[in-house]
């Protein structure tokens, strides 16, 4: 998995270097209005405010024992704050409310294992991608459920988190009805607990999330779905911040820091 993610990073670097893709030209366009940019504002206040949705380990987790934020996205966000010369403030927001909060200016950027989708890019700008993971259907360790396609889930009770790509995929399945045999959760920890308690038969999540929760619950993966890569997100109107975000991500590939993060959080 580490090698796969490193290859994705290399491809992302090539894409930026060659100017490939529909996103990059927009990110390099100067702000349309003169005056203070968001980067100026962040540096003036001395704080980068980043929205996330925890717990979604190993990407983001608030450690209640140490009262600190931990995770892959947290470390990457800290690197961006360091580049700006400011402190990092993480704000925990429900996943399906993150885009609205960023557009409204409540947060400066999103770091929440958010996959690149055209519908999202219509509302916010995304960075160069930094990781790709599979989405998986997970069940209890003693479950006998077996499927060969997502459409076969219409005879089971399935859980997912609100606002995710997993929700989009499940709600499109004929016979899988929200509130009946599709349970939508605001937080992943509640969903995983209800999977263990038998409230739902299966859950649809990112694969690394299962790796972490399998240390607490007896679980197994029964179906894998390739997914889009993940990125950081910020407002289209503030390209200066996105240029900083991209600079940090690309330099982390060049310097080997991204590889170290993969080892730290996904090995």
C-alpha atoms as a PDB file:
ATOM      1  CA  UNK A   1       0.000   0.000   0.000  1.00  0.00           C
ATOM      2  CA  UNK A   2       2.876   2.315   0.789  1.00  0.00           C
ATOM      3  CA  UNK A   3       4.325   1.841  -2.701  1.00  0.00           C
ATOM      4  CA  UNK A   4       0.906   2.443  -4.312  1.00  0.00           C
ATOM      5  CA  UNK A   5       0.454   5.707  -2.451  1.00  0.00           C
ATOM      6  CA  UNK A   6       3.983   6.818  -3.330  1.00  0.00           C
ATOM      7  CA  UNK A   7       3.289   6.199  -7.023  1.00  0.00           C
ATOM      8  CA  UNK A   8       0.142   8.290  -6.769  1.00  0.00           C
ATOM      9  CA  UNK A   9       2.184  11.077  -5.259  1.00  0.00           C
ATOM     10  CA  UNK A  10       4.683  10.873  -8.120  1.00  0.00           C
ATOM     11  CA  UNK A  11       1.890  11.042 -10.662  1.00  0.00           C
ATOM     12  CA  UNK A  12       0.411  14.039  -8.877  1.00  0.00           C
ATOM     13  CA  UNK A  13       3.764  15.804  -9.052  1.00  0.00           C
ATOM     14  CA  UNK A  14       4.049  15.101 -12.770  1.00  0.00           C
ATOM     15  CA  UNK A  15       0.555  16.405 -13.339  1.00  0.00           C
ATOM     16  CA  UNK A  16       1.372  19.668 -11.636  1.00  0.00           C
ATOM     17  CA  UNK A  17       4.709  20.007 -13.377  1.00  0.00           C
ATOM     18  CA  UNK A  18       3.231  19.480 -16.839  1.00  0.00           C
ATOM     19  CA  UNK A  19       0.184  21.622 -16.202  1.00  0.00           C
ATOM     20  CA  UNK A  20      -2.184  18.701 -16.710  1.00  0.00           C
ATOM     21  CA  UNK A  21      -5.701  18.822 -15.320  1.00  0.00           C
ATOM     22  CA  UNK A  22      -8.598  21.178 -15.119  1.00  0.00           C
ATOM     23  CA  UNK A  23      -7.806  22.417 -11.595  1.00  0.00           C
ATOM     24  CA  UNK A  24      -4.291  23.846 -11.672  1.00  0.00           C
ATOM     25  CA  UNK A  25      -4.722  26.906 -13.960  1.00  0.00           C
ATOM     26  CA  UNK A  26      -7.432  28.231 -11.679  1.00  0.00           C
ATOM     27  CA  UNK A  27      -5.220  27.848  -8.628  1.00  0.00           C
ATOM     28  CA  UNK A  28      -2.477  29.973 -10.150  1.00  0.00           C
ATOM     29  CA  UNK A  29      -4.785  32.860 -11.010  1.00  0.00           C
ATOM     30  CA  UNK A  30      -4.213  35.947  -8.833  1.00  0.00           C
ATOM     31  CA  UNK A  31      -7.003  37.059  -6.504  1.00  0.00           C
ATOM     32  CA  UNK A  32      -9.675  38.921  -8.437  1.00  0.00           C
ATOM     33  CA  UNK A  33      -9.939  41.730  -5.907  1.00  0.00           C
ATOM     34  CA  UNK A  34      -7.087  43.828  -4.543  1.00  0.00           C
ATOM     35  CA  UNK A  35      -6.317  44.111  -0.871  1.00  0.00           C
ATOM     36  CA  UNK A  36      -5.850  41.566   1.867  1.00  0.00           C
ATOM     37  CA  UNK A  37      -5.819  37.911   0.881  1.00  0.00           C
ATOM     38  CA  UNK A  38      -6.808  35.025   3.116  1.00  0.00           C
ATOM     39  CA  UNK A  39      -3.120  34.227   3.570  1.00  0.00           C
ATOM     40  CA  UNK A  40      -2.591  37.799   4.817  1.00  0.00           C
ATOM     41  CA  UNK A  41      -5.539  37.391   7.192  1.00  0.00           C
ATOM     42  CA  UNK A  42      -4.278  34.049   8.516  1.00  0.00           C
ATOM     43  CA  UNK A  43      -0.812  35.419   9.162  1.00  0.00           C
ATOM     44  CA  UNK A  44      -2.215  38.550  10.790  1.00  0.00           C
ATOM     45  CA  UNK A  45      -4.319  36.506  13.218  1.00  0.00           C
ATOM     46  CA  UNK A  46      -1.476  34.001  13.696  1.00  0.00           C
ATOM     47  CA  UNK A  47      -3.759  31.004  13.278  1.00  0.00           C
ATOM     48  CA  UNK A  48      -4.772  28.589  10.516  1.00  0.00           C
ATOM     49  CA  UNK A  49      -8.284  27.292  11.171  1.00  0.00           C
ATOM     50  CA  UNK A  50      -8.826  23.855   9.654  1.00  0.00           C
ATOM     51  CA  UNK A  51     -12.084  21.953   9.596  1.00  0.00           C
ATOM     52  CA  UNK A  52     -12.166  18.190   9.981  1.00  0.00           C
ATOM     53  CA  UNK A  53     -14.527  15.420  11.066  1.00  0.00           C
ATOM     54  CA  UNK A  54     -13.321  13.128  13.821  1.00  0.00           C
ATOM     55  CA  UNK A  55     -13.066  10.358  14.641  1.00  0.00           C
ATOM     56  CA  UNK A  56     -11.986   8.996  11.269  1.00  0.00           C
ATOM     57  CA  UNK A  57      -8.683   7.334  12.161  1.00  0.00           C
ATOM     58  CA  UNK A  58      -5.956   7.159  11.014  1.00  0.00           C
ATOM     59  CA  UNK A  59      -6.739  10.414   9.200  1.00  0.00           C
ATOM     60  CA  UNK A  60      -8.105  12.436  12.117  1.00  0.00           C
ATOM     61  CA  UNK A  61      -8.697  11.681  15.768  1.00  0.00           C
ATOM     62  CA  UNK A  62      -8.938  13.750  18.936  1.00  0.00           C
ATOM     63  CA  UNK A  63      -7.065  11.967  21.697  1.00  0.00           C
ATOM     64  CA  UNK A  64      -9.148  12.628  24.813  1.00  0.00           C
ATOM     65  CA  UNK A  65      -6.370  11.306  27.055  1.00  0.00           C
ATOM     66  CA  UNK A  66      -3.797  13.829  25.881  1.00  0.00           C
ATOM     67  CA  UNK A  67      -6.287  16.446  24.596  1.00  0.00           C
ATOM     68  CA  UNK A  68      -4.432  16.581  21.304  1.00  0.00           C
ATOM     69  CA  UNK A  69      -5.294  16.058  17.641  1.00  0.00           C
ATOM     70  CA  UNK A  70      -3.648  13.131  15.864  1.00  0.00           C
ATOM     71  CA  UNK A  71      -3.661  11.643  12.386  1.00  0.00           C
ATOM     72  CA  UNK A  72      -2.371  11.834   8.849  1.00  0.00           C
ATOM     73  CA  UNK A  73      -4.464  14.893   7.916  1.00  0.00           C
ATOM     74  CA  UNK A  74      -3.498  16.578  11.180  1.00  0.00           C
ATOM     75  CA  UNK A  75       0.223  16.206  10.512  1.00  0.00           C
ATOM     76  CA  UNK A  76      -0.197  17.520   6.974  1.00  0.00           C
ATOM     77  CA  UNK A  77      -2.234  20.471   8.253  1.00  0.00           C
ATOM     78  CA  UNK A  78       0.494  21.243  10.791  1.00  0.00           C
ATOM     79  CA  UNK A  79       3.023  21.360   7.971  1.00  0.00           C
ATOM     80  CA  UNK A  80       0.863  23.903   6.139  1.00  0.00           C
ATOM     81  CA  UNK A  81       0.514  26.015   9.302  1.00  0.00           C
ATOM     82  CA  UNK A  82       4.287  25.869   9.770  1.00  0.00           C
ATOM     83  CA  UNK A  83       4.810  27.047   6.193  1.00  0.00           C
ATOM     84  CA  UNK A  84       2.552  30.017   6.934  1.00  0.00           C
ATOM     85  CA  UNK A  85       4.332  30.679  10.230  1.00  0.00           C
ATOM     86  CA  UNK A  86       1.174  30.371  12.331  1.00  0.00           C
ATOM     87  CA  UNK A  87      -0.378  28.004  14.863  1.00  0.00           C
ATOM     88  CA  UNK A  88      -2.821  25.276  13.838  1.00  0.00           C
ATOM     89  CA  UNK A  89      -6.375  25.216  15.172  1.00  0.00           C
ATOM     90  CA  UNK A  90      -8.466  22.153  14.312  1.00  0.00           C
ATOM     91  CA  UNK A  91     -12.245  22.498  14.347  1.00  0.00           C
ATOM     92  CA  UNK A  92     -14.426  19.375  14.551  1.00  0.00           C
ATOM     93  CA  UNK A  93     -17.431  19.709  12.220  1.00  0.00           C
ATOM     94  CA  UNK A  94     -19.897  17.138  10.892  1.00  0.00           C
ATOM     95  CA  UNK A  95     -18.614  15.889   7.539  1.00  0.00           C
ATOM     96  CA  UNK A  96     -21.644  16.971   5.536  1.00  0.00           C
ATOM     97  CA  UNK A  97     -21.322  20.501   6.966  1.00  0.00           C
ATOM     98  CA  UNK A  98     -17.638  21.023   6.162  1.00  0.00           C
ATOM     99  CA  UNK A  99     -18.065  22.443   2.660  1.00  0.00           C
ATOM    100  CA  UNK A 100     -20.669  24.941   3.831  1.00  0.00           C
ATOM    101  CA  UNK A 101     -18.442  26.020   6.719  1.00  0.00           C
ATOM    102  CA  UNK A 102     -15.492  26.596   4.380  1.00  0.00           C
ATOM    103  CA  UNK A 103     -17.573  28.534   1.867  1.00  0.00           C
ATOM    104  CA  UNK A 104     -18.935  30.694   4.693  1.00  0.00           C
ATOM    105  CA  UNK A 105     -15.434  31.455   5.970  1.00  0.00           C
ATOM    106  CA  UNK A 106     -15.899  29.738   9.334  1.00  0.00           C
ATOM    107  CA  UNK A 107     -12.799  27.684   8.527  1.00  0.00           C
ATOM    108  CA  UNK A 108      -9.879  28.403   6.204  1.00  0.00           C
ATOM    109  CA  UNK A 109      -9.538  24.917   4.719  1.00  0.00           C
ATOM    110  CA  UNK A 110     -10.749  21.326   5.005  1.00  0.00           C
ATOM    111  CA  UNK A 111      -8.553  18.375   5.962  1.00  0.00           C
ATOM    112  CA  UNK A 112     -10.924  15.450   6.375  1.00  0.00           C
ATOM    113  CA  UNK A 113      -9.975  12.582   4.045  1.00  0.00           C
ATOM    114  CA  UNK A 114     -12.262  14.233   1.501  1.00  0.00           C
ATOM    115  CA  UNK A 115     -12.160  12.589  -1.900  1.00  0.00           C
ATOM    116  CA  UNK A 116     -12.006  14.560  -5.130  1.00  0.00           C
ATOM    117  CA  UNK A 117     -15.382  14.717  -6.839  1.00  0.00           C
ATOM    118  CA  UNK A 118     -16.677  17.055  -9.519  1.00  0.00           C
ATOM    119  CA  UNK A 119     -19.693  18.006  -7.410  1.00  0.00           C
ATOM    120  CA  UNK A 120     -17.396  19.134  -4.591  1.00  0.00           C
ATOM    121  CA  UNK A 121     -15.045  20.957  -6.963  1.00  0.00           C
ATOM    122  CA  UNK A 122     -17.971  23.040  -8.151  1.00  0.00           C
ATOM    123  CA  UNK A 123     -18.143  24.510  -4.657  1.00  0.00           C
ATOM    124  CA  UNK A 124     -14.528  24.514  -3.428  1.00  0.00           C
ATOM    125  CA  UNK A 125     -11.036  24.255  -4.877  1.00  0.00           C
ATOM    126  CA  UNK A 126      -9.003  21.162  -4.092  1.00  0.00           C
ATOM    127  CA  UNK A 127      -5.281  20.684  -3.778  1.00  0.00           C
ATOM    128  CA  UNK A 128      -3.100  18.232  -5.616  1.00  0.00           C
ATOM    129  CA  UNK A 129      -4.021  14.807  -4.326  1.00  0.00           C
ATOM    130  CA  UNK A 130      -2.000  13.262  -1.526  1.00  0.00           C
ATOM    131  CA  UNK A 131      -3.372   9.754  -1.026  1.00  0.00           C
ATOM    132  CA  UNK A 132      -5.774   7.206  -2.499  1.00  0.00           C
ATOM    133  CA  UNK A 133      -7.359   4.405  -0.496  1.00  0.00           C
ATOM    134  CA  UNK A 134     -10.027   1.821  -1.209  1.00  0.00           C
ATOM    135  CA  UNK A 135     -13.574   2.011   0.085  1.00  0.00           C
ATOM    136  CA  UNK A 136     -14.762  -1.228   1.660  1.00  0.00           C
ATOM    137  CA  UNK A 137     -17.816  -3.033   2.926  1.00  0.00           C
ATOM    138  CA  UNK A 138     -17.029  -4.265   6.426  1.00  0.00           C
ATOM    139  CA  UNK A 139     -19.027  -6.713   8.568  1.00  0.00           C
ATOM    140  CA  UNK A 140     -18.640  -8.372  11.956  1.00  0.00           C
ATOM    141  CA  UNK A 141     -15.998 -11.046  12.169  1.00  0.00           C
ATOM    142  CA  UNK A 142     -18.570 -13.839  12.486  1.00  0.00           C
ATOM    143  CA  UNK A 143     -20.889 -12.562   9.729  1.00  0.00           C
ATOM    144  CA  UNK A 144     -21.806 -14.900   6.861  1.00  0.00           C
ATOM    145  CA  UNK A 145     -22.737 -12.042   4.531  1.00  0.00           C
ATOM    146  CA  UNK A 146     -21.076 -12.234   1.119  1.00  0.00           C
ATOM    147  CA  UNK A 147     -21.573  -9.985  -1.931  1.00  0.00           C
ATOM    148  CA  UNK A 148     -20.134  -9.622  -5.416  1.00  0.00           C
ATOM    149  CA  UNK A 149     -21.516  -6.112  -6.045  1.00  0.00           C
ATOM    150  CA  UNK A 150     -22.865  -3.203  -4.023  1.00  0.00           C
ATOM    151  CA  UNK A 151     -26.336  -3.775  -5.505  1.00  0.00           C
ATOM    152  CA  UNK A 152     -26.618  -6.979  -3.460  1.00  0.00           C
ATOM    153  CA  UNK A 153     -26.752  -4.866  -0.293  1.00  0.00           C
ATOM    154  CA  UNK A 154     -30.426  -4.056  -0.870  1.00  0.00           C
ATOM    155  CA  UNK A 155     -31.470  -7.045   1.239  1.00  0.00           C
ATOM    156  CA  UNK A 156     -29.332  -6.004   4.223  1.00  0.00           C
ATOM    157  CA  UNK A 157     -29.142  -3.104   6.673  1.00  0.00           C
ATOM    158  CA  UNK A 158     -26.148  -0.962   5.747  1.00  0.00           C
ATOM    159  CA  UNK A 159     -24.553   2.032   7.456  1.00  0.00           C
ATOM    160  CA  UNK A 160     -22.514   4.941   6.124  1.00  0.00           C
ATOM    161  CA  UNK A 161     -21.546   8.455   7.176  1.00  0.00           C
ATOM    162  CA  UNK A 162     -23.539  11.453   5.968  1.00  0.00           C
ATOM    163  CA  UNK A 163     -22.087  13.496   3.127  1.00  0.00           C
ATOM    164  CA  UNK A 164     -19.546  10.887   2.039  1.00  0.00           C
ATOM    165  CA  UNK A 165     -18.928   9.261  -1.328  1.00  0.00           C
ATOM    166  CA  UNK A 166     -20.059   6.046   0.357  1.00  0.00           C
ATOM    167  CA  UNK A 167     -23.460   7.627   0.980  1.00  0.00           C
ATOM    168  CA  UNK A 168     -23.726   8.723  -2.658  1.00  0.00           C
ATOM    169  CA  UNK A 169     -23.025   5.170  -3.834  1.00  0.00           C
ATOM    170  CA  UNK A 170     -25.429   3.466  -1.430  1.00  0.00           C
ATOM    171  CA  UNK A 171     -28.364   5.834  -1.866  1.00  0.00           C
ATOM    172  CA  UNK A 172     -28.262   5.131  -5.611  1.00  0.00           C
ATOM    173  CA  UNK A 173     -28.846   1.390  -5.123  1.00  0.00           C
ATOM    174  CA  UNK A 174     -32.443   0.370  -5.936  1.00  0.00           C
ATOM    175  CA  UNK A 175     -34.146  -1.080  -2.894  1.00  0.00           C
ATOM    176  CA  UNK A 176     -31.725   0.460  -0.418  1.00  0.00           C
ATOM    177  CA  UNK A 177     -33.812   3.117   1.283  1.00  0.00           C
ATOM    178  CA  UNK A 178     -32.545   5.704   3.747  1.00  0.00           C
ATOM    179  CA  UNK A 179     -34.286   5.323   7.078  1.00  0.00           C
ATOM    180  CA  UNK A 180     -35.313   1.743   6.281  1.00  0.00           C
ATOM    181  CA  UNK A 181     -32.331  -0.452   5.378  1.00  0.00           C
ATOM    182  CA  UNK A 182     -29.827   2.371   4.908  1.00  0.00           C
ATOM    183  CA  UNK A 183     -28.729   4.010   8.155  1.00  0.00           C
ATOM    184  CA  UNK A 184     -26.867   7.298   7.831  1.00  0.00           C
ATOM    185  CA  UNK A 185     -24.664   8.351  10.742  1.00  0.00           C
ATOM    186  CA  UNK A 186     -23.278  11.761  11.696  1.00  0.00           C
ATOM    187  CA  UNK A 187     -20.132  10.177  13.174  1.00  0.00           C
ATOM    188  CA  UNK A 188     -18.172   7.054  12.301  1.00  0.00           C
ATOM    189  CA  UNK A 189     -17.597   5.899  15.877  1.00  0.00           C
ATOM    190  CA  UNK A 190     -21.354   5.548  16.430  1.00  0.00           C
ATOM    191  CA  UNK A 191     -21.671   3.574  13.199  1.00  0.00           C
ATOM    192  CA  UNK A 192     -18.858   1.169  14.049  1.00  0.00           C
ATOM    193  CA  UNK A 193     -20.288   0.560  17.517  1.00  0.00           C
ATOM    194  CA  UNK A 194     -23.715  -0.223  16.030  1.00  0.00           C
ATOM    195  CA  UNK A 195     -22.114  -2.589  13.530  1.00  0.00           C
ATOM    196  CA  UNK A 196     -20.542  -4.457  16.437  1.00  0.00           C
ATOM    197  CA  UNK A 197     -23.852  -4.461  18.313  1.00  0.00           C
ATOM    198  CA  UNK A 198     -25.718  -5.894  15.339  1.00  0.00           C
ATOM    199  CA  UNK A 199     -27.873  -2.830  14.664  1.00  0.00           C
ATOM    200  CA  UNK A 200     -26.575  -2.838  11.081  1.00  0.00           C
ATOM    201  CA  UNK A 201     -25.303  -5.762   9.018  1.00  0.00           C
ATOM    202  CA  UNK A 202     -22.533  -3.897   7.232  1.00  0.00           C
ATOM    203  CA  UNK A 203     -20.818  -0.535   6.988  1.00  0.00           C
ATOM    204  CA  UNK A 204     -19.262   1.260   4.024  1.00  0.00           C
ATOM    205  CA  UNK A 205     -16.042   3.115   4.948  1.00  0.00           C
ATOM    206  CA  UNK A 206     -12.457   3.857   3.883  1.00  0.00           C
ATOM    207  CA  UNK A 207     -10.190   0.823   4.237  1.00  0.00           C
ATOM    208  CA  UNK A 208      -7.656   2.372   6.676  1.00  0.00           C
ATOM    209  CA  UNK A 209     -10.536   3.160   9.036  1.00  0.00           C
ATOM    210  CA  UNK A 210     -11.308  -0.552   9.291  1.00  0.00           C
ATOM    211  CA  UNK A 211      -7.664  -1.293  10.054  1.00  0.00           C
ATOM    212  CA  UNK A 212      -7.854   0.970  13.098  1.00  0.00           C
ATOM    213  CA  UNK A 213     -11.268  -0.092  14.387  1.00  0.00           C
ATOM    214  CA  UNK A 214     -10.438  -3.765  13.965  1.00  0.00           C
ATOM    215  CA  UNK A 215      -8.214  -3.309  16.996  1.00  0.00           C
ATOM    216  CA  UNK A 216     -11.383  -2.632  19.022  1.00  0.00           C
ATOM    217  CA  UNK A 217     -14.014  -4.746  17.256  1.00  0.00           C
ATOM    218  CA  UNK A 218     -13.967  -8.089  15.446  1.00  0.00           C
ATOM    219  CA  UNK A 219     -14.463  -7.085  11.802  1.00  0.00           C
ATOM    220  CA  UNK A 220     -13.703  -8.296   8.296  1.00  0.00           C
ATOM    221  CA  UNK A 221     -13.816  -6.781   4.829  1.00  0.00           C
ATOM    222  CA  UNK A 222     -16.051  -8.561   2.315  1.00  0.00           C
ATOM    223  CA  UNK A 223     -15.988  -6.176  -0.658  1.00  0.00           C
ATOM    224  CA  UNK A 224     -13.567  -3.568  -2.016  1.00  0.00           C
ATOM    225  CA  UNK A 225     -14.347  -0.552  -4.204  1.00  0.00           C
ATOM    226  CA  UNK A 226     -11.547   1.543  -5.781  1.00  0.00           C
ATOM    227  CA  UNK A 227     -12.043   5.200  -4.912  1.00  0.00           C
ATOM    228  CA  UNK A 228     -10.976   8.677  -5.974  1.00  0.00           C
ATOM    229  CA  UNK A 229      -7.853  10.229  -4.390  1.00  0.00           C
ATOM    230  CA  UNK A 230      -8.091  12.626  -1.454  1.00  0.00           C
ATOM    231  CA  UNK A 231      -7.144  16.296  -1.217  1.00  0.00           C
ATOM    232  CA  UNK A 232      -7.259  19.407   0.933  1.00  0.00           C
ATOM    233  CA  UNK A 233      -9.970  21.967   0.138  1.00  0.00           C
ATOM    234  CA  UNK A 234     -10.333  25.745   0.349  1.00  0.00           C
ATOM    235  CA  UNK A 235     -12.268  28.570  -1.330  1.00  0.00           C
ATOM    236  CA  UNK A 236     -11.856  29.222  -5.033  1.00  0.00           C
ATOM    237  CA  UNK A 237     -11.649  32.939  -4.267  1.00  0.00           C
ATOM    238  CA  UNK A 238      -8.424  32.482  -2.273  1.00  0.00           C
ATOM    239  CA  UNK A 239      -5.862  30.928  -4.656  1.00  0.00           C
ATOM    240  CA  UNK A 240      -2.943  32.209  -2.577  1.00  0.00           C
ATOM    241  CA  UNK A 241      -3.765  29.762   0.230  1.00  0.00           C
ATOM    242  CA  UNK A 242      -4.141  26.886  -2.221  1.00  0.00           C
ATOM    243  CA  UNK A 243      -0.722  27.697  -3.674  1.00  0.00           C
ATOM    244  CA  UNK A 244       0.763  27.323  -0.180  1.00  0.00           C
ATOM    245  CA  UNK A 245      -1.104  24.046   0.386  1.00  0.00           C
ATOM    246  CA  UNK A 246       0.110  22.643  -2.939  1.00  0.00           C
ATOM    247  CA  UNK A 247       3.667  23.784  -2.251  1.00  0.00           C
ATOM    248  CA  UNK A 248       3.728  21.921   1.073  1.00  0.00           C
ATOM    249  CA  UNK A 249       2.265  18.724  -0.400  1.00  0.00           C
ATOM    250  CA  UNK A 250       4.580  18.658  -3.413  1.00  0.00           C
ATOM    251  CA  UNK A 251       7.679  19.446  -1.368  1.00  0.00           C
ATOM    252  CA  UNK A 252       6.742  16.664   1.046  1.00  0.00           C
ATOM    253  CA  UNK A 253       6.909  14.224  -1.873  1.00  0.00           C
ATOM    254  CA  UNK A 254      10.267  15.626  -2.988  1.00  0.00           C
ATOM    255  CA  UNK A 255      11.793  15.557   0.507  1.00  0.00           C
ATOM    256  CA  UNK A 256      10.448  12.134   1.508  1.00  0.00           C
ATOM    257  CA  UNK A 257       8.272  13.562   4.285  1.00  0.00           C
ATOM    258  CA  UNK A 258       5.093  12.212   2.671  1.00  0.00           C
ATOM    259  CA  UNK A 259       6.611   8.762   2.598  1.00  0.00           C
ATOM    260  CA  UNK A 260       7.366   9.088   6.313  1.00  0.00           C
ATOM    261  CA  UNK A 261       3.734  10.034   6.974  1.00  0.00           C
ATOM    262  CA  UNK A 262       2.530   6.980   5.052  1.00  0.00           C
ATOM    263  CA  UNK A 263       4.760   4.793   7.191  1.00  0.00           C
ATOM    264  CA  UNK A 264       3.668   6.466  10.411  1.00  0.00           C
ATOM    265  CA  UNK A 265      -0.078   6.233   9.846  1.00  0.00           C
ATOM    266  CA  UNK A 266      -0.667   3.347   7.428  1.00  0.00           C
ATOM    267  CA  UNK A 267       1.985   0.721   8.167  1.00  0.00           C
END
